[in-house]
Protein backbone atom coordinates (compact mmCIF):
# COMPACT_ATOMS: atom_id res chain seq x y z
CA MET A 1 -17.93 -4.83 16.07
CA LYS A 2 -14.73 -4.66 13.51
CA LYS A 3 -16.73 -3.45 10.45
CA ALA A 4 -17.97 -0.72 12.83
CA LEU A 5 -14.61 0.46 14.18
CA LEU A 6 -13.56 0.20 10.52
CA ILE A 7 -16.13 2.33 9.25
CA ILE A 8 -15.64 4.95 11.98
CA VAL A 9 -11.67 4.75 11.35
CA ILE A 10 -12.52 5.55 7.74
CA ALA A 11 -15.07 8.11 7.84
CA GLY A 12 -12.22 10.12 10.94
CA ALA A 13 -9.89 10.05 8.06
CA LEU A 14 -12.25 11.16 5.21
CA ILE A 15 -13.25 14.55 7.50
CA PHE A 16 -9.28 14.94 8.74
CA THR A 17 -8.94 15.16 5.04
CA ALA A 18 -11.36 17.57 3.96
CA LEU A 19 -10.28 19.50 7.15
CA ASN A 20 -7.09 20.06 5.81
CA TYR A 21 -6.83 20.23 2.04
CA HIS A 22 -8.35 22.09 -0.96
CA PHE A 23 -9.05 19.89 -4.20
CA VAL A 24 -8.95 22.26 -7.07
CA LEU A 25 -10.27 20.79 -10.37
CA VAL A 26 -8.10 22.64 -13.29
CA GLU A 27 -8.95 21.31 -16.53
CA LYS A 28 -8.22 17.46 -16.32
CA ASN A 29 -6.20 17.40 -13.41
CA VAL A 30 -6.84 17.74 -9.45
CA LYS A 31 -4.30 19.74 -7.63
CA ILE A 32 -4.24 19.58 -4.06
CA LEU A 33 -3.37 22.82 -1.26
CA LYS A 34 -2.89 22.46 2.09
CA LYS A 35 -5.15 24.48 3.96
CA VAL A 36 -4.13 27.48 6.45
CA GLU A 37 -7.51 26.84 8.87
CA LEU A 38 -9.46 23.73 9.68
CA THR A 39 -12.98 24.25 7.82
CA PHE A 40 -14.97 22.71 5.37
CA ASN A 41 -15.48 25.97 3.23
CA ASN A 42 -14.06 25.54 -0.17
CA THR A 43 -12.93 21.72 0.13
CA PHE A 44 -13.72 21.27 -3.19
CA VAL A 45 -13.20 23.72 -6.12
CA ASP A 46 -13.97 23.86 -9.83
CA ALA A 47 -11.28 26.28 -11.62
CA ARG A 48 -12.54 25.95 -15.00
CA GLY A 49 -13.26 28.63 -17.77
CA ALA A 50 -14.31 32.16 -16.21
CA LYS A 51 -14.53 30.61 -12.94
CA LYS A 52 -10.85 30.89 -12.38
CA LEU A 53 -11.21 34.81 -11.41
CA LYS A 54 -13.19 34.34 -8.96
CA LEU A 55 -10.44 32.41 -6.59
CA PHE A 56 -8.40 34.98 -6.70
CA LEU A 57 -11.00 37.12 -4.54
CA ASN A 58 -10.95 34.28 -1.77
CA PRO A 59 -8.81 35.06 1.01
CA SER A 60 -8.75 31.50 2.30
CA LEU A 61 -7.58 30.44 -1.54
CA ILE A 62 -5.05 32.84 -1.39
CA LYS A 63 -3.33 32.20 1.81
CA ALA A 64 -3.28 28.43 0.52
CA GLY A 65 -1.34 29.35 -2.59
CA ILE A 66 -3.92 29.24 -5.33
CA LYS A 67 -2.16 31.79 -7.43
CA ASN A 68 0.76 28.98 -7.63
CA VAL A 69 -1.63 26.46 -8.61
CA LEU A 70 -3.16 28.72 -11.45
């Protein structure tokens, strides 16, 4: 019973984190941005190389402040 409760709490924390933050991979670092809306969209974003230009066209990332990170 304790294991099941622990698994539920950990899964809930991971889901809550995925709903509230963007994780942006920039070269060798990972930057974390607070999301404006609670969604699973763009939770993990790759911003290496030529993919950076596509990020400036994404409205949810612009609202979260991707311009300040890049």
